[in-house]
N, C-alpha and C. Protein backbone atom coordinates (compact mmCIF):
# COMPACT_ATOMS: atom_id res chain seq x y z
N MET A 1 141.91 -146.96 -88.96
CA MET A 1 141.24 -147.00 -87.64
C MET A 1 140.83 -148.41 -87.55
N SER A 2 141.07 -149.34 -86.44
CA SER A 2 140.58 -150.70 -86.27
C SER A 2 139.60 -150.60 -85.31
N LEU A 3 138.21 -151.00 -85.58
CA LEU A 3 137.22 -151.18 -84.65
C LEU A 3 136.69 -152.57 -84.44
N ASN A 4 137.75 -153.48 -84.62
CA ASN A 4 137.54 -154.89 -84.52
C ASN A 4 136.88 -155.23 -83.38
N GLY A 5 135.81 -156.08 -83.32
CA GLY A 5 135.32 -156.69 -82.08
C GLY A 5 134.22 -155.63 -81.50
N ILE A 6 134.16 -154.36 -81.87
CA ILE A 6 133.20 -153.19 -81.37
C ILE A 6 131.87 -153.49 -81.96
N LYS A 7 131.01 -153.37 -80.92
CA LYS A 7 129.41 -153.62 -81.30
C LYS A 7 128.94 -152.35 -81.03
N ILE A 8 128.27 -151.97 -82.32
CA ILE A 8 127.75 -150.57 -82.44
C ILE A 8 126.07 -150.78 -82.68
N GLY A 9 125.18 -150.22 -81.89
CA GLY A 9 123.85 -149.86 -82.23
C GLY A 9 123.98 -148.68 -83.09
N PHE A 10 123.44 -148.75 -84.29
CA PHE A 10 123.50 -147.79 -85.21
C PHE A 10 121.84 -147.63 -85.50
N ALA A 11 121.62 -146.37 -84.65
CA ALA A 11 120.31 -145.82 -84.68
C ALA A 11 120.07 -144.75 -85.79
N VAL A 12 118.98 -144.90 -86.46
CA VAL A 12 118.71 -143.97 -87.61
C VAL A 12 117.43 -143.12 -87.22
N SER A 13 117.29 -141.86 -87.06
CA SER A 13 116.00 -141.20 -87.11
C SER A 13 115.79 -140.42 -88.28
N GLY A 14 114.75 -139.57 -88.33
CA GLY A 14 114.41 -139.36 -89.60
C GLY A 14 114.86 -138.07 -90.17
N SER A 15 116.14 -137.94 -90.27
CA SER A 15 116.73 -136.79 -91.16
C SER A 15 116.92 -137.45 -92.45
N PHE A 16 115.87 -137.57 -93.14
CA PHE A 16 116.05 -138.45 -94.50
C PHE A 16 117.07 -138.02 -95.53
N CYS A 17 117.08 -136.57 -95.49
CA CYS A 17 118.12 -136.09 -96.57
C CYS A 17 119.58 -136.32 -96.35
N THR A 18 119.76 -136.88 -95.11
CA THR A 18 121.13 -137.29 -94.71
C THR A 18 121.27 -138.73 -94.46
N PHE A 19 120.37 -139.64 -94.95
CA PHE A 19 120.53 -141.02 -94.92
C PHE A 19 121.69 -141.43 -95.66
N LYS A 20 121.87 -140.94 -97.03
CA LYS A 20 122.93 -141.44 -97.89
C LYS A 20 124.34 -141.45 -97.31
N ARG A 21 124.55 -140.14 -96.59
CA ARG A 21 125.94 -139.95 -95.88
C ARG A 21 126.05 -140.76 -94.69
N ALA A 22 124.96 -140.91 -93.94
CA ALA A 22 124.95 -141.86 -92.53
C ALA A 22 125.19 -143.12 -92.90
N PHE A 23 124.49 -143.66 -94.09
CA PHE A 23 124.81 -145.13 -94.54
C PHE A 23 126.00 -145.41 -94.89
N GLU A 24 126.71 -144.24 -95.66
CA GLU A 24 128.46 -144.42 -96.05
C GLU A 24 129.08 -144.68 -94.82
N GLN A 25 128.77 -143.92 -93.80
CA GLN A 25 129.68 -144.16 -92.36
C GLN A 25 129.26 -145.49 -91.83
N ALA A 26 128.05 -145.99 -91.93
CA ALA A 26 127.98 -147.66 -91.55
C ALA A 26 128.85 -148.27 -92.29
N GLU A 27 128.98 -148.12 -93.58
CA GLU A 27 129.73 -148.96 -94.42
C GLU A 27 131.28 -149.01 -93.90
N ILE A 28 131.89 -147.76 -93.66
CA ILE A 28 133.09 -147.34 -93.19
C ILE A 28 133.30 -148.09 -91.84
N LEU A 29 132.39 -148.15 -90.99
CA LEU A 29 132.39 -148.72 -89.70
C LEU A 29 132.61 -150.20 -89.71
N VAL A 30 131.78 -150.80 -90.56
CA VAL A 30 131.68 -152.38 -90.88
C VAL A 30 133.07 -152.60 -91.51
N ASN A 31 133.57 -151.80 -92.51
CA ASN A 31 134.96 -152.19 -93.04
C ASN A 31 136.18 -151.92 -92.01
N ALA A 32 135.78 -150.94 -90.90
CA ALA A 32 136.85 -150.99 -89.83
C ALA A 32 136.77 -152.13 -88.81
N GLY A 33 135.91 -153.27 -88.99
CA GLY A 33 135.73 -154.26 -88.10
C GLY A 33 134.80 -154.27 -87.16
N ALA A 34 133.83 -153.29 -87.24
CA ALA A 34 132.87 -153.13 -86.18
C ALA A 34 131.55 -153.96 -86.61
N SER A 35 130.87 -154.48 -85.53
CA SER A 35 129.56 -155.23 -85.78
C SER A 35 128.34 -154.10 -85.42
N LEU A 36 127.62 -154.02 -86.59
CA LEU A 36 126.64 -152.97 -86.50
C LEU A 36 125.07 -153.59 -86.34
N THR A 37 124.28 -153.12 -85.52
CA THR A 37 122.91 -153.61 -85.45
C THR A 37 122.04 -152.27 -85.58
N PRO A 38 121.21 -152.27 -87.09
CA PRO A 38 120.43 -150.81 -87.05
C PRO A 38 119.06 -150.96 -86.11
N ILE A 39 118.78 -149.94 -85.74
CA ILE A 39 117.69 -149.49 -84.88
C ILE A 39 116.97 -148.12 -85.45
N LEU A 40 115.59 -148.35 -85.82
CA LEU A 40 115.33 -147.51 -86.70
C LEU A 40 113.99 -146.85 -85.78
N SER A 41 113.90 -145.41 -85.86
CA SER A 41 113.06 -144.57 -85.33
C SER A 41 111.58 -145.15 -86.05
N PHE A 42 110.40 -144.77 -85.54
CA PHE A 42 109.20 -145.35 -86.23
C PHE A 42 109.02 -144.54 -87.60
N ASN A 43 109.54 -143.19 -87.73
CA ASN A 43 109.49 -142.46 -88.95
C ASN A 43 110.51 -142.87 -89.83
N ALA A 44 111.76 -143.26 -89.44
CA ALA A 44 112.76 -143.90 -90.39
C ALA A 44 112.16 -145.26 -91.00
N ALA A 45 111.46 -146.04 -90.24
CA ALA A 45 111.00 -147.28 -90.62
C ALA A 45 109.72 -147.32 -91.59
N ASN A 46 109.08 -146.02 -91.35
CA ASN A 46 107.78 -146.06 -92.05
C ASN A 46 107.47 -145.14 -93.05
N ILE A 47 108.25 -144.12 -93.24
CA ILE A 47 107.92 -142.92 -94.17
C ILE A 47 108.50 -143.07 -95.40
N ASP A 48 107.91 -142.93 -96.56
CA ASP A 48 108.65 -142.91 -97.79
C ASP A 48 108.73 -141.37 -98.20
N THR A 49 109.85 -141.00 -98.82
CA THR A 49 110.35 -139.62 -98.95
C THR A 49 110.93 -139.82 -100.54
N ARG A 50 111.38 -138.44 -100.81
CA ARG A 50 111.87 -138.26 -102.22
C ARG A 50 113.45 -139.00 -102.17
N PHE A 51 113.80 -139.34 -100.82
CA PHE A 51 115.01 -139.78 -100.47
C PHE A 51 114.97 -141.39 -100.24
N GLY A 52 114.03 -141.82 -100.83
CA GLY A 52 113.62 -143.28 -100.73
C GLY A 52 112.66 -143.79 -99.95
N THR A 53 112.08 -145.05 -100.19
CA THR A 53 110.92 -145.53 -99.39
C THR A 53 111.39 -146.11 -98.33
N ALA A 54 110.60 -146.36 -97.35
CA ALA A 54 110.92 -146.99 -96.07
C ALA A 54 111.58 -148.14 -96.30
N LYS A 55 110.97 -149.05 -97.18
CA LYS A 55 111.32 -150.31 -97.47
C LYS A 55 112.74 -150.37 -98.02
N GLU A 56 113.02 -149.13 -98.73
CA GLU A 56 114.38 -149.34 -99.51
C GLU A 56 115.32 -148.89 -98.46
N ASN A 57 115.15 -147.87 -97.77
CA ASN A 57 116.01 -147.57 -96.57
C ASN A 57 116.29 -148.58 -95.69
N THR A 58 115.22 -149.40 -95.29
CA THR A 58 115.46 -150.25 -94.28
C THR A 58 116.50 -151.48 -94.94
N GLU A 59 116.03 -151.75 -96.05
CA GLU A 59 116.96 -152.85 -96.80
C GLU A 59 118.45 -152.58 -96.79
N LYS A 60 118.40 -151.22 -97.16
CA LYS A 60 119.90 -150.74 -97.53
C LYS A 60 120.58 -150.91 -96.19
N ILE A 61 120.12 -150.32 -95.07
CA ILE A 61 120.77 -150.42 -93.64
C ILE A 61 121.00 -151.90 -93.37
N GLU A 62 120.11 -152.58 -93.34
CA GLU A 62 120.23 -153.98 -92.97
C GLU A 62 121.05 -154.65 -93.92
N SER A 63 121.31 -154.43 -95.06
CA SER A 63 122.20 -155.09 -96.01
C SER A 63 123.57 -154.63 -95.55
N ILE A 64 123.89 -153.32 -95.22
CA ILE A 64 125.22 -152.96 -94.75
C ILE A 64 125.47 -153.46 -93.30
N CYS A 65 124.79 -153.62 -92.69
CA CYS A 65 125.00 -154.11 -91.22
C CYS A 65 125.04 -155.53 -91.03
N GLY A 66 124.32 -156.21 -91.92
CA GLY A 66 124.29 -157.62 -92.08
C GLY A 66 123.48 -158.16 -90.80
N ALA A 67 122.39 -157.31 -90.46
CA ALA A 67 121.71 -157.45 -89.39
C ALA A 67 120.15 -156.93 -89.51
N ARG A 68 119.29 -157.76 -89.20
CA ARG A 68 117.84 -157.16 -89.28
C ARG A 68 117.58 -155.90 -88.26
N ALA A 69 116.78 -155.02 -88.56
CA ALA A 69 116.74 -153.66 -87.80
C ALA A 69 115.90 -154.12 -86.71
N ILE A 70 116.04 -153.36 -85.62
CA ILE A 70 115.21 -153.28 -84.68
C ILE A 70 114.23 -152.02 -84.76
N LYS A 71 112.84 -152.43 -84.73
CA LYS A 71 111.89 -151.16 -85.25
C LYS A 71 110.75 -151.10 -84.40
N THR A 72 110.88 -151.78 -83.05
CA THR A 72 109.79 -151.97 -82.12
C THR A 72 110.14 -151.34 -80.84
N LEU A 73 109.39 -151.07 -79.87
CA LEU A 73 109.96 -150.67 -78.56
C LEU A 73 110.21 -151.99 -77.99
N GLU A 74 109.27 -152.94 -78.21
CA GLU A 74 109.59 -154.27 -77.65
C GLU A 74 110.99 -154.94 -77.85
N GLN A 75 111.48 -154.81 -79.07
CA GLN A 75 112.90 -155.13 -79.60
C GLN A 75 113.93 -154.36 -78.90
N ALA A 76 113.62 -152.90 -78.73
CA ALA A 76 114.60 -152.13 -78.16
C ALA A 76 114.86 -152.25 -76.76
N GLU A 77 114.00 -152.54 -75.96
CA GLU A 77 113.77 -152.51 -74.42
C GLU A 77 115.05 -153.40 -73.95
N PRO A 78 115.37 -154.62 -74.43
CA PRO A 78 116.41 -155.48 -73.96
C PRO A 78 118.01 -154.99 -74.15
N ILE A 79 118.02 -153.89 -75.04
CA ILE A 79 119.34 -153.52 -75.47
C ILE A 79 120.35 -153.44 -74.12
N GLY A 80 119.87 -152.64 -73.35
CA GLY A 80 120.79 -152.42 -72.07
C GLY A 80 120.81 -153.55 -71.27
N PRO A 81 119.94 -154.28 -70.78
CA PRO A 81 120.00 -155.56 -69.91
C PRO A 81 120.75 -156.59 -70.58
N LYS A 82 120.66 -156.85 -71.83
CA LYS A 82 121.52 -157.58 -72.60
C LYS A 82 123.08 -157.35 -72.94
N LYS A 83 123.20 -155.89 -72.56
CA LYS A 83 124.63 -155.29 -72.99
C LYS A 83 125.05 -155.59 -74.53
N MET A 84 124.02 -155.34 -75.22
CA MET A 84 124.18 -155.50 -76.82
C MET A 84 125.22 -154.92 -77.50
N PHE A 85 125.48 -153.62 -76.90
CA PHE A 85 126.52 -152.72 -77.74
C PHE A 85 127.48 -152.14 -76.79
N ASP A 86 128.67 -151.86 -77.38
CA ASP A 86 129.59 -151.16 -76.80
C ASP A 86 129.26 -149.48 -76.80
N ILE A 87 128.86 -149.01 -77.87
CA ILE A 87 128.47 -147.92 -78.07
C ILE A 87 127.23 -147.61 -78.80
N PHE A 88 126.45 -146.72 -78.70
CA PHE A 88 124.99 -146.40 -79.25
C PHE A 88 125.24 -145.34 -79.99
N LEU A 89 125.26 -145.28 -81.36
CA LEU A 89 125.31 -144.18 -82.19
C LEU A 89 124.11 -143.91 -83.04
N ILE A 90 123.62 -142.67 -82.89
CA ILE A 90 122.36 -142.03 -83.48
C ILE A 90 122.82 -141.49 -84.79
N CYS A 91 122.65 -141.88 -85.85
CA CYS A 91 123.32 -141.26 -86.92
C CYS A 91 122.51 -141.54 -88.20
N PRO A 92 121.61 -140.55 -88.76
CA PRO A 92 121.47 -139.14 -88.20
C PRO A 92 120.60 -139.08 -87.00
N CYS A 93 120.76 -137.76 -86.32
CA CYS A 93 119.90 -137.68 -85.06
C CYS A 93 119.05 -136.56 -85.31
N THR A 94 117.71 -136.38 -85.36
CA THR A 94 117.11 -135.29 -85.51
C THR A 94 116.95 -134.37 -84.11
N SER A 95 116.49 -133.34 -84.46
CA SER A 95 116.25 -132.32 -83.30
C SER A 95 115.05 -132.98 -82.31
N THR A 96 114.16 -133.56 -82.96
CA THR A 96 113.12 -134.21 -82.21
C THR A 96 113.60 -135.39 -81.21
N THR A 97 114.32 -136.11 -81.74
CA THR A 97 115.01 -137.14 -81.10
C THR A 97 115.94 -136.69 -80.00
N MET A 98 116.66 -135.59 -80.16
CA MET A 98 117.47 -134.91 -79.13
C MET A 98 116.54 -134.41 -78.12
N GLY A 99 115.73 -133.62 -78.34
CA GLY A 99 114.84 -133.04 -77.45
C GLY A 99 113.94 -134.24 -76.63
N LYS A 100 113.73 -135.29 -77.23
CA LYS A 100 113.04 -136.51 -76.39
C LYS A 100 114.09 -136.96 -75.47
N LEU A 101 115.23 -137.17 -75.77
CA LEU A 101 116.40 -137.60 -75.02
C LEU A 101 116.77 -136.64 -73.73
N ALA A 102 116.60 -135.45 -74.16
CA ALA A 102 117.08 -134.43 -73.19
C ALA A 102 115.98 -134.18 -72.12
N ASN A 103 114.62 -134.84 -72.65
CA ASN A 103 113.59 -134.44 -71.62
C ASN A 103 112.97 -135.97 -71.33
N ALA A 104 113.82 -137.08 -71.33
CA ALA A 104 113.66 -138.38 -70.70
C ALA A 104 112.18 -138.73 -71.29
N ILE A 105 112.18 -138.53 -72.75
CA ILE A 105 110.94 -139.34 -73.36
C ILE A 105 111.41 -140.46 -74.22
N TYR A 106 111.01 -141.64 -74.06
CA TYR A 106 111.44 -142.77 -74.49
C TYR A 106 110.20 -143.57 -75.26
N ASP A 107 109.90 -142.99 -76.42
CA ASP A 107 108.58 -143.57 -77.19
C ASP A 107 108.89 -144.04 -78.50
N THR A 108 110.14 -144.00 -78.75
CA THR A 108 110.66 -144.81 -80.15
C THR A 108 111.56 -145.74 -79.90
N PRO A 109 111.72 -146.62 -81.02
CA PRO A 109 112.95 -147.33 -80.78
C PRO A 109 114.31 -146.94 -80.38
N VAL A 110 114.44 -145.70 -81.23
CA VAL A 110 115.89 -145.12 -81.11
C VAL A 110 115.96 -144.42 -79.63
N THR A 111 114.93 -143.80 -78.93
CA THR A 111 115.08 -143.31 -77.84
C THR A 111 115.02 -144.45 -76.78
N LEU A 112 114.18 -145.13 -76.82
CA LEU A 112 114.37 -146.23 -75.90
C LEU A 112 115.47 -146.96 -75.98
N GLY A 113 116.01 -147.32 -77.10
CA GLY A 113 117.09 -148.01 -77.27
C GLY A 113 118.41 -147.25 -76.62
N ALA A 114 118.46 -146.01 -76.67
CA ALA A 114 119.41 -145.16 -76.01
C ALA A 114 119.37 -145.32 -74.60
N LYS A 115 117.98 -145.13 -73.99
CA LYS A 115 117.79 -145.15 -72.59
C LYS A 115 118.20 -146.53 -72.04
N SER A 116 117.75 -147.63 -72.68
CA SER A 116 118.17 -148.81 -72.15
C SER A 116 119.86 -149.06 -72.26
N HIS A 117 120.38 -148.60 -73.31
CA HIS A 117 121.87 -148.67 -73.47
C HIS A 117 122.34 -148.02 -72.22
N LEU A 118 121.89 -146.75 -71.90
CA LEU A 118 122.50 -145.83 -70.87
C LEU A 118 122.42 -146.73 -69.35
N ARG A 119 121.44 -147.49 -69.51
CA ARG A 119 121.45 -148.21 -68.17
C ARG A 119 122.73 -148.79 -67.68
N SER A 120 123.53 -149.27 -68.80
CA SER A 120 124.66 -150.14 -68.68
C SER A 120 125.84 -149.17 -68.50
N ARG A 121 125.71 -147.73 -68.09
CA ARG A 121 126.59 -146.76 -68.30
C ARG A 121 127.43 -146.84 -69.39
N LYS A 122 126.88 -146.94 -70.78
CA LYS A 122 127.71 -146.92 -71.91
C LYS A 122 127.45 -145.82 -72.62
N ASN A 123 128.18 -145.21 -73.49
CA ASN A 123 128.07 -143.85 -74.20
C ASN A 123 127.14 -143.95 -75.21
N VAL A 124 126.46 -142.91 -75.42
CA VAL A 124 125.71 -142.54 -76.72
C VAL A 124 126.40 -141.36 -77.38
N LEU A 125 126.50 -141.64 -78.69
CA LEU A 125 127.14 -140.84 -79.75
C LEU A 125 126.08 -140.29 -80.63
N ILE A 126 126.00 -138.91 -80.55
CA ILE A 126 124.96 -138.14 -81.57
C ILE A 126 125.55 -137.54 -82.83
N ALA A 127 125.19 -138.16 -83.94
CA ALA A 127 125.45 -137.44 -85.17
C ALA A 127 124.20 -136.59 -85.68
N ALA A 128 124.32 -135.27 -85.17
CA ALA A 128 123.06 -134.52 -85.21
C ALA A 128 123.02 -134.06 -86.93
N SER A 129 121.81 -133.71 -87.01
CA SER A 129 121.26 -133.06 -88.29
C SER A 129 119.83 -132.61 -88.17
N THR A 130 119.99 -131.16 -88.09
CA THR A 130 118.61 -130.67 -87.58
C THR A 130 118.56 -129.21 -88.13
N ASN A 131 117.57 -128.68 -88.68
CA ASN A 131 117.34 -127.19 -89.29
C ASN A 131 117.18 -126.22 -88.01
N ASP A 132 117.01 -126.79 -86.81
CA ASP A 132 116.60 -125.79 -85.80
C ASP A 132 117.61 -125.81 -84.59
N ALA A 133 118.92 -126.31 -84.66
CA ALA A 133 119.89 -126.53 -83.82
C ALA A 133 120.35 -125.28 -83.21
N LEU A 134 120.23 -124.34 -83.82
CA LEU A 134 120.63 -122.65 -83.28
C LEU A 134 119.19 -121.93 -83.03
N SER A 135 118.32 -122.48 -82.94
CA SER A 135 117.07 -121.87 -82.52
C SER A 135 116.43 -122.81 -81.32
N ALA A 136 115.25 -123.15 -81.56
CA ALA A 136 114.63 -123.90 -80.63
C ALA A 136 115.17 -125.22 -80.03
N GLY A 137 116.09 -125.93 -80.95
CA GLY A 137 116.74 -127.15 -80.58
C GLY A 137 117.95 -126.94 -79.83
N ALA A 138 118.58 -125.68 -79.55
CA ALA A 138 119.75 -125.39 -79.05
C ALA A 138 119.74 -125.87 -77.47
N LYS A 139 118.66 -125.58 -76.92
CA LYS A 139 118.44 -125.89 -75.50
C LYS A 139 118.71 -127.51 -75.25
N ASN A 140 118.19 -128.05 -76.20
CA ASN A 140 118.44 -129.61 -75.84
C ASN A 140 119.72 -130.23 -76.27
N ILE A 141 120.33 -129.44 -77.15
CA ILE A 141 121.95 -129.86 -77.40
C ILE A 141 122.65 -129.47 -76.09
N GLY A 142 122.43 -128.25 -75.59
CA GLY A 142 123.27 -127.90 -74.46
C GLY A 142 122.85 -128.85 -73.21
N ALA A 143 121.70 -129.19 -73.37
CA ALA A 143 121.27 -130.14 -72.05
C ALA A 143 122.15 -131.44 -72.34
N LEU A 144 122.10 -132.06 -73.40
CA LEU A 144 122.82 -133.40 -73.71
C LEU A 144 124.36 -133.12 -73.56
N LEU A 145 124.85 -132.13 -73.92
CA LEU A 145 126.33 -131.91 -73.91
C LEU A 145 126.72 -131.81 -72.37
N ASN A 146 125.87 -131.46 -71.52
CA ASN A 146 126.14 -131.53 -70.28
C ASN A 146 125.47 -132.73 -69.24
N THR A 147 125.26 -133.74 -70.07
CA THR A 147 124.64 -135.00 -69.59
C THR A 147 125.77 -135.96 -69.72
N LYS A 148 126.02 -136.78 -68.60
CA LYS A 148 127.07 -137.63 -68.60
C LYS A 148 126.52 -138.86 -69.51
N TYR A 149 127.78 -139.47 -70.28
CA TYR A 149 127.58 -140.53 -71.24
C TYR A 149 127.07 -140.03 -72.57
N TYR A 150 126.87 -138.85 -72.90
CA TYR A 150 126.34 -138.11 -74.30
C TYR A 150 127.66 -137.60 -74.83
N PHE A 151 127.81 -138.02 -76.08
CA PHE A 151 128.88 -137.44 -77.02
C PHE A 151 128.29 -136.89 -78.46
N PHE A 152 129.18 -135.99 -79.10
CA PHE A 152 128.69 -135.50 -80.18
C PHE A 152 129.58 -135.64 -81.36
N VAL A 153 129.27 -136.06 -82.56
CA VAL A 153 130.11 -135.96 -83.75
C VAL A 153 130.15 -134.39 -83.89
N PRO A 154 131.53 -133.80 -84.17
CA PRO A 154 131.50 -132.40 -84.45
C PRO A 154 130.35 -131.81 -85.58
N LEU A 155 130.10 -130.73 -85.31
CA LEU A 155 129.03 -130.07 -85.95
C LEU A 155 129.40 -128.80 -86.80
N ALA A 156 128.59 -128.32 -87.81
CA ALA A 156 129.00 -127.09 -88.43
C ALA A 156 127.61 -126.84 -89.32
N GLN A 157 127.69 -125.37 -89.37
CA GLN A 157 126.50 -124.88 -90.15
C GLN A 157 126.60 -125.56 -91.60
N ASP A 158 125.50 -126.07 -92.08
CA ASP A 158 125.43 -126.59 -93.29
C ASP A 158 125.03 -125.77 -94.37
N ASP A 159 124.34 -124.60 -94.16
CA ASP A 159 123.88 -123.59 -95.09
C ASP A 159 123.45 -122.33 -94.47
N ALA A 160 124.60 -121.74 -93.96
CA ALA A 160 124.33 -120.39 -93.04
C ALA A 160 123.63 -119.36 -93.62
N VAL A 161 123.63 -119.22 -95.00
CA VAL A 161 122.86 -118.22 -95.75
C VAL A 161 121.41 -118.56 -95.98
N ASN A 162 121.07 -119.78 -96.23
CA ASN A 162 119.45 -120.10 -96.45
C ASN A 162 118.78 -120.73 -95.16
N LYS A 163 119.67 -121.43 -94.35
CA LYS A 163 119.30 -122.01 -93.09
C LYS A 163 120.13 -121.56 -92.08
N PRO A 164 119.99 -120.49 -91.44
CA PRO A 164 121.11 -119.98 -90.47
C PRO A 164 121.09 -120.79 -89.20
N ALA A 165 119.82 -121.35 -88.78
CA ALA A 165 119.67 -121.97 -87.61
C ALA A 165 120.09 -123.45 -87.68
N SER A 166 120.55 -123.96 -88.89
CA SER A 166 120.80 -125.46 -89.14
C SER A 166 122.05 -125.78 -88.83
N LEU A 167 122.34 -126.86 -88.09
CA LEU A 167 123.57 -127.74 -88.09
C LEU A 167 123.61 -129.00 -88.46
N SER A 168 124.71 -129.42 -89.12
CA SER A 168 124.85 -131.09 -89.41
C SER A 168 126.02 -131.34 -88.87
N CYS A 169 126.18 -132.56 -88.35
CA CYS A 169 127.44 -133.03 -88.04
C CYS A 169 128.51 -133.28 -89.24
N ASP A 170 129.44 -133.45 -89.09
CA ASP A 170 130.50 -133.68 -90.10
C ASP A 170 130.64 -135.32 -90.27
N PHE A 171 129.83 -135.90 -91.12
CA PHE A 171 129.76 -137.18 -91.24
C PHE A 171 131.13 -138.02 -91.49
N SER A 172 131.97 -137.50 -92.17
CA SER A 172 133.36 -137.94 -92.20
C SER A 172 133.93 -138.22 -90.88
N LYS A 173 133.64 -137.44 -89.92
CA LYS A 173 134.23 -137.69 -88.55
C LYS A 173 133.53 -138.74 -87.67
N VAL A 174 132.59 -139.39 -88.22
CA VAL A 174 131.95 -140.42 -87.20
C VAL A 174 132.93 -141.49 -86.84
N PRO A 175 133.60 -142.13 -87.81
CA PRO A 175 134.47 -143.17 -87.16
C PRO A 175 135.44 -142.72 -86.11
N GLU A 176 136.06 -141.43 -86.41
CA GLU A 176 136.93 -140.92 -85.20
C GLU A 176 136.30 -140.57 -83.87
N ALA A 177 134.87 -140.15 -84.32
CA ALA A 177 134.22 -139.73 -82.99
C ALA A 177 133.66 -141.00 -82.26
N VAL A 178 133.49 -142.07 -82.77
CA VAL A 178 133.17 -143.43 -82.26
C VAL A 178 134.46 -143.91 -81.40
N ARG A 179 135.50 -143.66 -81.97
CA ARG A 179 136.75 -144.08 -81.25
C ARG A 179 137.00 -143.33 -80.04
N ALA A 180 136.92 -141.94 -80.22
CA ALA A 180 137.03 -141.10 -79.07
C ALA A 180 135.87 -141.51 -77.77
N ALA A 181 134.59 -141.49 -78.43
CA ALA A 181 133.66 -141.68 -77.41
C ALA A 181 133.76 -143.06 -76.72
N LEU A 182 134.36 -144.23 -77.33
CA LEU A 182 134.75 -145.41 -76.61
C LEU A 182 135.64 -145.15 -75.69
N ASP A 183 136.58 -144.12 -75.65
CA ASP A 183 137.49 -143.77 -74.69
C ASP A 183 137.18 -142.78 -73.85
N ASN A 184 135.80 -142.37 -73.75
CA ASN A 184 135.11 -141.55 -73.01
C ASN A 184 135.52 -139.98 -73.14
N VAL A 185 136.15 -139.62 -74.60
CA VAL A 185 136.50 -138.33 -74.94
C VAL A 185 135.43 -137.68 -75.94
N GLN A 186 135.26 -136.34 -75.67
CA GLN A 186 134.54 -135.47 -76.62
C GLN A 186 135.51 -135.37 -77.69
N LEU A 187 135.39 -135.61 -79.00
CA LEU A 187 136.33 -135.42 -80.25
C LEU A 187 136.03 -133.62 -80.29
N GLN A 188 137.19 -133.13 -80.63
CA GLN A 188 137.31 -131.69 -80.62
C GLN A 188 137.80 -131.19 -81.73
N PRO A 189 137.58 -130.19 -82.51
CA PRO A 189 136.64 -129.19 -81.98
C PRO A 189 135.15 -129.72 -82.19
N ILE A 190 134.29 -129.66 -81.31
CA ILE A 190 132.85 -129.86 -81.48
C ILE A 190 132.17 -129.05 -82.35
N LEU A 191 132.69 -127.69 -82.50
CA LEU A 191 132.05 -126.90 -83.50
C LEU A 191 132.87 -126.47 -84.61
N LEU A 192 132.76 -126.85 -85.68
CA LEU A 192 133.66 -126.65 -86.89
C LEU A 192 133.56 -125.41 -87.54
């Protein structure tokens, strides 16, 4: 699939255990011809975890994208007015980030970037990864599913026995979901 000339805001929120899979999709998008700019939530930009230090993760995504990361509110605000992207992809997207978007709270570079992007009536694609999607986070997913310009990468339970409320997107479907969302189509089935 060709994404030649498509400009993607590749936003990363703090689902640290899925960074490897998310970054693999960033590489696939770049190899398909897309131009990516990373946008990092405060947590993604500043927290060291067993999945890598903040510095390592920032350097990795910047290397893949070939661009410096947007890491402040001041850097995120002009995204919409400057029409920087064709689509804004949040990959991975935590329950916290979805809750903020569903309730119009724009206090991180990712949420403010999404809000700014939406000003141009352009689509936001959510690659969700959260342990509470089928409990407290469900209402926010429902709200975003019913809000214009929001699309989801198809989801599935990632460990129904040990984490019955957890959902994660099928990261392998990110490129296909990007193409669909660019055409204003929700990739189906949404639940795998």
